[in-house]
Amino acid sequence: MRRLSLILAAATLATCPLRPIAAGSTADRCAGAPHRQFDFWLGAWDVRTPDGKTAGTNRIEKVSGGCALIENWSGASGSRGTSLNFYDEASGLWNQVWVDNEGEILRLSGTLDAGSMVLEGAAAGDRTTRHRITWRPLQGGRVRQHWESSPDGGKTWSTLFDGTYTRRGSP
């Protein structure tokens, strides 16, 4: 009976397609340095404008086995938004897809530049206005987010949002 069980098990395995675990599996690929470039933004944050007013709160967490970051924004004025941020090995670019409670959709991409993450792109359906968001780590573990827009293809830029992130519960 034992021999029959072994033969049946061998026959079953022979007919099942097996996928070998290859070097560079998803878990391995997402552990590399490029995938960690935006980790300075991880955490639960209070966000203030340059004049000290509360802009809102934000929570950024790793998802998908550390292969992406998800942002959940709650603005002081009632705005809400979520973004998915990920590094694309094929292009060498970071990508963000943002959706808010007013239906605004932004698609941005870019790289880490001199220690700051700089992503640029456009809103869905708007071929003329460019958006550029820069996240820069600051002393004390804080982060500055500077969001700019350009109606002329990047010739001139104006600030849409400027906020300093302080970890929740920090003085």
N, C-alpha and C. Protein backbone atom coordinates (compact mmCIF):
# COMPACT_ATOMS: atom_id res chain seq x y z
N MET A 1 0.83 -1.19 0.00
CA MET A 1 0.00 0.00 0.00
C MET A 1 0.87 1.25 0.00
N ARG A 2 1.95 1.22 0.78
CA ARG A 2 2.85 2.37 0.83
C ARG A 2 3.48 2.62 -0.53
N ARG A 3 3.86 1.54 -1.20
CA ARG A 3 4.48 1.68 -2.51
C ARG A 3 3.47 2.26 -3.51
N LEU A 4 2.23 1.84 -3.45
CA LEU A 4 1.19 2.37 -4.32
C LEU A 4 0.97 3.86 -4.07
N SER A 5 1.00 4.28 -2.80
CA SER A 5 0.84 5.71 -2.45
C SER A 5 1.98 6.53 -3.03
N LEU A 6 3.21 6.01 -2.96
CA LEU A 6 4.36 6.74 -3.51
C LEU A 6 4.26 6.85 -5.03
N ILE A 7 3.82 5.80 -5.69
CA ILE A 7 3.67 5.82 -7.14
C ILE A 7 2.59 6.84 -7.54
N LEU A 8 1.46 6.83 -6.82
CA LEU A 8 0.39 7.81 -7.11
C LEU A 8 0.87 9.24 -6.87
N ALA A 9 1.61 9.45 -5.80
CA ALA A 9 2.14 10.79 -5.52
C ALA A 9 3.10 11.24 -6.61
N ALA A 10 3.98 10.34 -7.05
CA ALA A 10 4.93 10.67 -8.12
C ALA A 10 4.20 10.98 -9.42
N ALA A 11 3.18 10.20 -9.73
CA ALA A 11 2.41 10.42 -10.95
C ALA A 11 1.68 11.76 -10.91
N THR A 12 1.14 12.10 -9.75
CA THR A 12 0.45 13.38 -9.59
C THR A 12 1.41 14.54 -9.79
N LEU A 13 2.57 14.46 -9.16
CA LEU A 13 3.57 15.52 -9.30
C LEU A 13 4.05 15.66 -10.74
N ALA A 14 4.16 14.55 -11.43
CA ALA A 14 4.64 14.58 -12.81
C ALA A 14 3.66 15.29 -13.73
N THR A 15 2.38 15.27 -13.39
CA THR A 15 1.38 15.91 -14.25
C THR A 15 1.04 17.34 -13.83
N CYS A 16 1.55 17.81 -12.68
CA CYS A 16 1.27 19.16 -12.20
C CYS A 16 2.33 20.12 -12.69
N PRO A 17 1.95 21.21 -13.29
CA PRO A 17 2.95 22.19 -13.68
C PRO A 17 3.50 22.88 -12.42
N LEU A 18 4.79 22.87 -12.28
CA LEU A 18 5.43 23.51 -11.13
C LEU A 18 6.19 24.72 -11.61
N ARG A 19 6.07 25.81 -10.89
CA ARG A 19 6.84 27.02 -11.20
C ARG A 19 7.99 27.11 -10.24
N PRO A 20 9.20 27.05 -10.73
CA PRO A 20 10.33 27.17 -9.81
C PRO A 20 10.40 28.57 -9.23
N ILE A 21 10.89 28.68 -8.04
CA ILE A 21 11.10 29.98 -7.42
C ILE A 21 12.40 30.53 -7.98
N ALA A 22 12.27 31.54 -8.78
CA ALA A 22 13.44 32.10 -9.45
C ALA A 22 14.11 33.14 -8.59
N ALA A 23 15.40 33.29 -8.80
CA ALA A 23 16.12 34.37 -8.14
C ALA A 23 15.50 35.68 -8.61
N GLY A 24 15.38 36.63 -7.72
CA GLY A 24 14.75 37.90 -8.10
C GLY A 24 13.25 37.83 -8.03
N SER A 25 12.72 36.98 -7.16
CA SER A 25 11.27 36.93 -6.99
C SER A 25 10.79 38.30 -6.53
N THR A 26 9.48 38.50 -6.52
CA THR A 26 8.92 39.81 -6.16
C THR A 26 9.45 40.29 -4.83
N ALA A 27 9.48 39.41 -3.84
CA ALA A 27 9.95 39.82 -2.52
C ALA A 27 11.39 40.30 -2.58
N ASP A 28 12.22 39.61 -3.36
CA ASP A 28 13.62 40.01 -3.50
C ASP A 28 13.74 41.32 -4.27
N ARG A 29 12.99 41.44 -5.36
CA ARG A 29 13.10 42.64 -6.20
C ARG A 29 12.71 43.90 -5.44
N CYS A 30 11.73 43.80 -4.57
CA CYS A 30 11.24 44.97 -3.87
C CYS A 30 12.04 45.30 -2.62
N ALA A 31 13.07 44.52 -2.33
CA ALA A 31 13.89 44.77 -1.15
C ALA A 31 15.11 45.62 -1.48
N GLY A 32 15.36 45.86 -2.76
CA GLY A 32 16.55 46.60 -3.18
C GLY A 32 16.47 48.09 -2.90
N ALA A 33 17.60 48.73 -2.98
CA ALA A 33 17.73 50.16 -2.66
C ALA A 33 16.76 51.06 -3.44
N PRO A 34 16.54 50.87 -4.75
CA PRO A 34 15.61 51.77 -5.44
C PRO A 34 14.21 51.75 -4.84
N HIS A 35 13.77 50.59 -4.37
CA HIS A 35 12.43 50.47 -3.78
C HIS A 35 12.35 51.12 -2.41
N ARG A 36 13.45 51.47 -1.82
CA ARG A 36 13.49 52.08 -0.48
C ARG A 36 13.67 53.60 -0.54
N GLN A 37 13.81 54.17 -1.74
CA GLN A 37 14.11 55.59 -1.88
C GLN A 37 13.04 56.51 -1.30
N PHE A 38 11.80 56.06 -1.25
CA PHE A 38 10.70 56.90 -0.79
C PHE A 38 10.30 56.56 0.64
N ASP A 39 11.06 55.69 1.30
CA ASP A 39 10.72 55.27 2.66
C ASP A 39 10.72 56.42 3.66
N PHE A 40 11.40 57.52 3.36
CA PHE A 40 11.41 58.65 4.29
C PHE A 40 10.02 59.25 4.47
N TRP A 41 9.10 58.93 3.56
CA TRP A 41 7.74 59.45 3.61
C TRP A 41 6.81 58.55 4.42
N LEU A 42 7.24 57.36 4.78
CA LEU A 42 6.41 56.43 5.54
C LEU A 42 6.08 56.99 6.91
N GLY A 43 4.84 56.77 7.36
CA GLY A 43 4.47 57.16 8.71
C GLY A 43 3.10 57.82 8.77
N ALA A 44 2.75 58.22 9.99
CA ALA A 44 1.51 58.96 10.24
C ALA A 44 1.93 60.41 10.52
N TRP A 45 1.32 61.35 9.80
CA TRP A 45 1.80 62.73 9.78
C TRP A 45 0.70 63.74 10.09
N ASP A 46 1.11 64.83 10.75
CA ASP A 46 0.34 66.06 10.81
C ASP A 46 0.99 66.98 9.79
N VAL A 47 0.18 67.67 9.00
CA VAL A 47 0.71 68.50 7.92
C VAL A 47 0.26 69.94 8.14
N ARG A 48 1.22 70.86 8.06
CA ARG A 48 0.94 72.29 8.26
C ARG A 48 1.46 73.10 7.07
N THR A 49 0.79 74.20 6.81
CA THR A 49 1.21 75.13 5.76
C THR A 49 2.34 76.00 6.30
N PRO A 50 3.02 76.75 5.44
CA PRO A 50 4.13 77.59 5.91
C PRO A 50 3.75 78.59 7.00
N ASP A 51 2.47 79.02 7.04
CA ASP A 51 2.04 79.96 8.08
C ASP A 51 1.61 79.25 9.37
N GLY A 52 1.81 77.91 9.43
CA GLY A 52 1.53 77.16 10.65
C GLY A 52 0.12 76.60 10.76
N LYS A 53 -0.73 76.87 9.79
CA LYS A 53 -2.10 76.36 9.84
C LYS A 53 -2.13 74.87 9.52
N THR A 54 -3.06 74.16 10.17
CA THR A 54 -3.22 72.74 9.91
C THR A 54 -3.79 72.53 8.52
N ALA A 55 -3.08 71.76 7.70
CA ALA A 55 -3.55 71.43 6.35
C ALA A 55 -4.30 70.10 6.36
N GLY A 56 -3.88 69.20 7.26
CA GLY A 56 -4.53 67.90 7.34
C GLY A 56 -3.62 66.87 7.96
N THR A 57 -3.99 65.62 7.77
CA THR A 57 -3.18 64.50 8.23
C THR A 57 -2.97 63.55 7.06
N ASN A 58 -1.90 62.79 7.15
CA ASN A 58 -1.59 61.85 6.08
C ASN A 58 -0.97 60.60 6.69
N ARG A 59 -1.30 59.47 6.12
CA ARG A 59 -0.70 58.20 6.55
C ARG A 59 -0.17 57.50 5.31
N ILE A 60 1.13 57.16 5.37
CA ILE A 60 1.77 56.48 4.25
C ILE A 60 2.30 55.15 4.78
N GLU A 61 1.87 54.06 4.12
CA GLU A 61 2.22 52.71 4.57
C GLU A 61 2.72 51.87 3.41
N LYS A 62 3.55 50.88 3.72
CA LYS A 62 3.97 49.91 2.72
C LYS A 62 2.81 48.93 2.48
N VAL A 63 2.62 48.56 1.22
CA VAL A 63 1.63 47.56 0.85
C VAL A 63 2.23 46.63 -0.20
N SER A 64 1.50 45.60 -0.54
CA SER A 64 1.92 44.65 -1.57
C SER A 64 3.31 44.10 -1.30
N GLY A 65 3.51 43.65 -0.06
CA GLY A 65 4.78 43.04 0.30
C GLY A 65 5.95 44.00 0.26
N GLY A 66 5.68 45.29 0.45
CA GLY A 66 6.74 46.29 0.42
C GLY A 66 7.06 46.80 -0.98
N CYS A 67 6.29 46.39 -1.97
CA CYS A 67 6.53 46.81 -3.35
C CYS A 67 5.86 48.13 -3.70
N ALA A 68 5.05 48.66 -2.81
CA ALA A 68 4.37 49.92 -3.07
C ALA A 68 4.09 50.64 -1.75
N LEU A 69 3.83 51.93 -1.87
CA LEU A 69 3.40 52.75 -0.73
C LEU A 69 2.00 53.24 -1.04
N ILE A 70 1.15 53.23 -0.01
CA ILE A 70 -0.19 53.78 -0.18
C ILE A 70 -0.32 54.99 0.74
N GLU A 71 -0.87 56.06 0.20
CA GLU A 71 -1.07 57.31 0.93
C GLU A 71 -2.56 57.49 1.17
N ASN A 72 -2.92 57.90 2.38
CA ASN A 72 -4.30 58.24 2.71
C ASN A 72 -4.33 59.62 3.35
N TRP A 73 -4.76 60.60 2.57
CA TRP A 73 -4.79 62.01 2.96
C TRP A 73 -6.16 62.39 3.48
N SER A 74 -6.19 63.15 4.57
CA SER A 74 -7.41 63.76 5.11
C SER A 74 -7.13 65.24 5.31
N GLY A 75 -7.72 66.07 4.46
CA GLY A 75 -7.49 67.50 4.55
C GLY A 75 -8.35 68.16 5.61
N ALA A 76 -7.86 69.24 6.19
CA ALA A 76 -8.60 69.97 7.22
C ALA A 76 -9.91 70.53 6.66
N SER A 77 -9.94 70.78 5.35
CA SER A 77 -11.15 71.33 4.72
C SER A 77 -12.13 70.25 4.28
N GLY A 78 -11.82 68.98 4.56
CA GLY A 78 -12.72 67.90 4.19
C GLY A 78 -12.28 67.12 2.96
N SER A 79 -11.21 67.55 2.31
CA SER A 79 -10.73 66.80 1.15
C SER A 79 -10.16 65.46 1.60
N ARG A 80 -10.28 64.48 0.74
CA ARG A 80 -9.75 63.14 1.00
C ARG A 80 -9.10 62.65 -0.28
N GLY A 81 -8.00 61.92 -0.13
CA GLY A 81 -7.35 61.38 -1.31
C GLY A 81 -6.47 60.20 -0.97
N THR A 82 -6.21 59.41 -1.99
CA THR A 82 -5.38 58.22 -1.85
C THR A 82 -4.46 58.14 -3.05
N SER A 83 -3.21 57.77 -2.78
CA SER A 83 -2.30 57.52 -3.89
C SER A 83 -1.61 56.19 -3.70
N LEU A 84 -1.25 55.59 -4.83
CA LEU A 84 -0.43 54.40 -4.86
C LEU A 84 0.88 54.81 -5.50
N ASN A 85 1.99 54.49 -4.82
CA ASN A 85 3.32 54.90 -5.26
C ASN A 85 4.17 53.65 -5.39
N PHE A 86 4.89 53.54 -6.50
CA PHE A 86 5.69 52.34 -6.72
C PHE A 86 6.86 52.64 -7.65
N TYR A 87 7.91 51.85 -7.48
CA TYR A 87 9.09 51.95 -8.33
C TYR A 87 8.98 50.93 -9.45
N ASP A 88 9.15 51.37 -10.68
CA ASP A 88 9.08 50.51 -11.86
C ASP A 88 10.51 50.23 -12.33
N GLU A 89 10.96 48.99 -12.12
CA GLU A 89 12.32 48.63 -12.49
C GLU A 89 12.59 48.82 -13.98
N ALA A 90 11.62 48.51 -14.83
CA ALA A 90 11.82 48.59 -16.27
C ALA A 90 12.15 50.00 -16.73
N SER A 91 11.45 51.00 -16.17
CA SER A 91 11.69 52.39 -16.58
C SER A 91 12.69 53.10 -15.67
N GLY A 92 12.91 52.55 -14.47
CA GLY A 92 13.78 53.23 -13.50
C GLY A 92 13.11 54.44 -12.86
N LEU A 93 11.77 54.49 -12.94
CA LEU A 93 11.03 55.64 -12.43
C LEU A 93 10.10 55.25 -11.28
N TRP A 94 9.91 56.22 -10.38
CA TRP A 94 8.85 56.12 -9.38
C TRP A 94 7.57 56.62 -10.04
N ASN A 95 6.45 56.04 -9.66
CA ASN A 95 5.15 56.41 -10.21
C ASN A 95 4.17 56.65 -9.08
N GLN A 96 3.29 57.61 -9.30
CA GLN A 96 2.20 57.85 -8.35
C GLN A 96 0.91 57.99 -9.16
N VAL A 97 -0.13 57.32 -8.67
CA VAL A 97 -1.49 57.52 -9.18
C VAL A 97 -2.31 58.01 -8.00
N TRP A 98 -2.84 59.23 -8.11
CA TRP A 98 -3.59 59.90 -7.05
C TRP A 98 -5.04 60.02 -7.47
N VAL A 99 -5.95 59.74 -6.54
CA VAL A 99 -7.38 59.94 -6.75
C VAL A 99 -7.94 60.58 -5.49
N ASP A 100 -8.76 61.65 -5.67
CA ASP A 100 -9.35 62.28 -4.48
C ASP A 100 -10.86 62.22 -4.53
N ASN A 101 -11.49 62.71 -3.46
CA ASN A 101 -12.94 62.60 -3.32
C ASN A 101 -13.70 63.55 -4.24
N GLU A 102 -13.00 64.35 -5.02
CA GLU A 102 -13.65 65.19 -6.03
C GLU A 102 -13.46 64.64 -7.43
N GLY A 103 -12.85 63.44 -7.52
CA GLY A 103 -12.64 62.80 -8.81
C GLY A 103 -11.38 63.22 -9.53
N GLU A 104 -10.53 64.01 -8.87
CA GLU A 104 -9.26 64.41 -9.48
C GLU A 104 -8.35 63.19 -9.56
N ILE A 105 -7.77 62.96 -10.73
CA ILE A 105 -6.83 61.87 -10.93
C ILE A 105 -5.53 62.46 -11.47
N LEU A 106 -4.43 62.17 -10.77
CA LEU A 106 -3.11 62.59 -11.24
C LEU A 106 -2.27 61.36 -11.50
N ARG A 107 -1.50 61.40 -12.55
CA ARG A 107 -0.52 60.36 -12.85
C ARG A 107 0.83 61.04 -12.96
N LEU A 108 1.72 60.69 -12.04
CA LEU A 108 3.04 61.33 -11.95
C LEU A 108 4.13 60.28 -12.02
N SER A 109 5.31 60.69 -12.48
CA SER A 109 6.47 59.81 -12.45
C SER A 109 7.72 60.65 -12.32
N GLY A 110 8.78 60.02 -11.78
CA GLY A 110 10.03 60.75 -11.63
C GLY A 110 11.04 59.94 -10.84
N THR A 111 12.01 60.65 -10.27
CA THR A 111 13.13 59.99 -9.61
C THR A 111 13.52 60.73 -8.33
N LEU A 112 14.39 60.09 -7.59
CA LEU A 112 15.03 60.73 -6.45
C LEU A 112 16.12 61.63 -7.01
N ASP A 113 16.09 62.91 -6.68
CA ASP A 113 17.04 63.89 -7.21
C ASP A 113 17.63 64.66 -6.05
N ALA A 114 18.91 64.44 -5.80
CA ALA A 114 19.63 65.12 -4.71
C ALA A 114 18.91 64.95 -3.37
N GLY A 115 18.40 63.75 -3.12
CA GLY A 115 17.75 63.44 -1.85
C GLY A 115 16.27 63.76 -1.79
N SER A 116 15.72 64.41 -2.82
CA SER A 116 14.30 64.75 -2.87
C SER A 116 13.62 63.88 -3.93
N MET A 117 12.41 63.43 -3.62
CA MET A 117 11.63 62.70 -4.62
C MET A 117 10.87 63.74 -5.43
N VAL A 118 11.06 63.72 -6.75
CA VAL A 118 10.43 64.69 -7.65
C VAL A 118 9.63 63.92 -8.69
N LEU A 119 8.31 64.07 -8.65
CA LEU A 119 7.42 63.40 -9.59
C LEU A 119 6.65 64.45 -10.38
N GLU A 120 6.48 64.19 -11.66
CA GLU A 120 5.83 65.16 -12.53
C GLU A 120 4.87 64.44 -13.47
N GLY A 121 3.78 65.10 -13.83
CA GLY A 121 2.83 64.51 -14.75
C GLY A 121 1.64 65.41 -14.95
N ALA A 122 0.50 64.78 -15.25
CA ALA A 122 -0.70 65.54 -15.59
C ALA A 122 -1.93 64.94 -14.94
N ALA A 123 -2.95 65.77 -14.86
CA ALA A 123 -4.25 65.30 -14.40
C ALA A 123 -4.95 64.61 -15.57
N ALA A 124 -5.76 63.63 -15.25
CA ALA A 124 -6.50 62.92 -16.30
C ALA A 124 -7.35 63.90 -17.09
N GLY A 125 -7.28 63.81 -18.40
CA GLY A 125 -8.09 64.66 -19.26
C GLY A 125 -7.56 66.06 -19.48
N ASP A 126 -6.41 66.40 -18.88
CA ASP A 126 -5.84 67.75 -19.02
C ASP A 126 -4.48 67.63 -19.67
N ARG A 127 -4.41 67.96 -20.93
CA ARG A 127 -3.15 67.81 -21.67
C ARG A 127 -2.27 69.06 -21.60
N THR A 128 -2.77 70.13 -20.99
CA THR A 128 -2.00 71.37 -20.99
C THR A 128 -1.30 71.65 -19.66
N THR A 129 -1.94 71.34 -18.55
CA THR A 129 -1.36 71.67 -17.24
C THR A 129 -0.47 70.54 -16.75
N ARG A 130 0.76 70.90 -16.39
CA ARG A 130 1.71 69.95 -15.80
C ARG A 130 1.68 70.12 -14.29
N HIS A 131 1.91 69.04 -13.57
CA HIS A 131 2.01 69.06 -12.11
C HIS A 131 3.37 68.50 -11.72
N ARG A 132 3.98 69.11 -10.73
CA ARG A 132 5.26 68.63 -10.20
C ARG A 132 5.16 68.67 -8.68
N ILE A 133 5.42 67.52 -8.05
CA ILE A 133 5.41 67.45 -6.59
C ILE A 133 6.79 67.00 -6.14
N THR A 134 7.34 67.73 -5.17
CA THR A 134 8.65 67.43 -4.61
C THR A 134 8.50 67.15 -3.13
N TRP A 135 9.03 66.01 -2.68
CA TRP A 135 9.08 65.66 -1.27
C TRP A 135 10.53 65.70 -0.86
N ARG A 136 10.84 66.52 0.16
CA ARG A 136 12.22 66.67 0.60
C ARG A 136 12.31 66.38 2.09
N PRO A 137 13.17 65.42 2.48
CA PRO A 137 13.37 65.18 3.91
C PRO A 137 13.99 66.40 4.58
N LEU A 138 13.53 66.72 5.78
CA LEU A 138 14.04 67.85 6.55
C LEU A 138 14.65 67.33 7.86
N GLN A 139 15.35 68.22 8.54
CA GLN A 139 15.92 67.86 9.84
C GLN A 139 14.80 67.46 10.80
N GLY A 140 15.14 66.58 11.73
CA GLY A 140 14.18 66.16 12.73
C GLY A 140 13.15 65.16 12.23
N GLY A 141 13.40 64.54 11.05
CA GLY A 141 12.48 63.55 10.53
C GLY A 141 11.25 64.11 9.85
N ARG A 142 11.21 65.43 9.66
CA ARG A 142 10.08 66.05 8.97
C ARG A 142 10.27 65.93 7.46
N VAL A 143 9.20 66.21 6.71
CA VAL A 143 9.24 66.16 5.25
C VAL A 143 8.49 67.37 4.71
N ARG A 144 9.03 68.01 3.69
CA ARG A 144 8.33 69.09 3.01
C ARG A 144 7.78 68.57 1.69
N GLN A 145 6.50 68.84 1.44
CA GLN A 145 5.88 68.53 0.15
C GLN A 145 5.54 69.85 -0.52
N HIS A 146 6.06 70.03 -1.73
CA HIS A 146 5.82 71.24 -2.50
C HIS A 146 5.19 70.83 -3.83
N TRP A 147 3.93 71.22 -4.04
CA TRP A 147 3.18 70.87 -5.25
C TRP A 147 3.04 72.11 -6.10
N GLU A 148 3.49 72.01 -7.35
CA GLU A 148 3.44 73.12 -8.29
C GLU A 148 2.68 72.71 -9.54
N SER A 149 2.15 73.71 -10.25
CA SER A 149 1.52 73.44 -11.54
C SER A 149 2.03 74.43 -12.57
N SER A 150 1.98 74.01 -13.82
CA SER A 150 2.43 74.85 -14.93
C SER A 150 1.42 74.76 -16.06
N PRO A 151 0.84 75.91 -16.44
CA PRO A 151 -0.14 75.90 -17.53
C PRO A 151 0.51 75.97 -18.92
N ASP A 152 1.86 76.14 -18.94
CA ASP A 152 2.55 76.37 -20.20
C ASP A 152 3.65 75.35 -20.49
N GLY A 153 3.39 74.11 -20.11
CA GLY A 153 4.34 73.05 -20.44
C GLY A 153 5.63 73.07 -19.65
N GLY A 154 5.64 73.74 -18.51
CA GLY A 154 6.83 73.75 -17.67
C GLY A 154 7.69 74.99 -17.78
N LYS A 155 7.23 75.99 -18.51
CA LYS A 155 8.00 77.24 -18.61
C LYS A 155 7.91 78.04 -17.32
N THR A 156 6.70 78.11 -16.75
CA THR A 156 6.49 78.81 -15.48
C THR A 156 5.72 77.88 -14.54
N TRP A 157 5.99 78.03 -13.24
CA TRP A 157 5.36 77.18 -12.23
C TRP A 157 4.78 78.05 -11.12
N SER A 158 3.65 77.63 -10.57
CA SER A 158 3.09 78.30 -9.40
C SER A 158 2.75 77.23 -8.35
N THR A 159 2.84 77.62 -7.09
CA THR A 159 2.61 76.70 -5.98
C THR A 159 1.12 76.46 -5.77
N LEU A 160 0.74 75.17 -5.73
CA LEU A 160 -0.63 74.79 -5.39
C LEU A 160 -0.73 74.41 -3.91
N PHE A 161 0.34 73.82 -3.38
CA PHE A 161 0.35 73.37 -1.99
C PHE A 161 1.79 73.34 -1.50
N ASP A 162 1.97 73.79 -0.27
CA ASP A 162 3.28 73.71 0.38
C ASP A 162 3.03 73.30 1.82
N GLY A 163 3.48 72.11 2.17
CA GLY A 163 3.20 71.61 3.50
C GLY A 163 4.41 70.94 4.13
N THR A 164 4.49 71.08 5.45
CA THR A 164 5.54 70.40 6.21
C THR A 164 4.90 69.29 7.02
N TYR A 165 5.42 68.11 6.85
CA TYR A 165 4.95 66.91 7.54
C TYR A 165 5.75 66.73 8.83
N THR A 166 5.05 66.57 9.93
CA THR A 166 5.65 66.25 11.23
C THR A 166 5.00 64.97 11.71
N ARG A 167 5.81 64.04 12.18
CA ARG A 167 5.25 62.76 12.63
C ARG A 167 4.21 63.00 13.73
N ARG A 168 3.08 62.31 13.62
CA ARG A 168 2.00 62.46 14.60
C ARG A 168 2.54 62.15 15.98
N GLY A 169 2.20 62.99 16.93
CA GLY A 169 2.66 62.81 18.29
C GLY A 169 4.00 63.47 18.58
N SER A 170 4.65 64.03 17.53
CA SER A 170 5.92 64.74 17.75
C SER A 170 5.63 66.17 18.18
N PRO A 171 6.52 66.77 18.98
CA PRO A 171 6.29 68.16 19.40
C PRO A 171 6.43 69.13 18.24
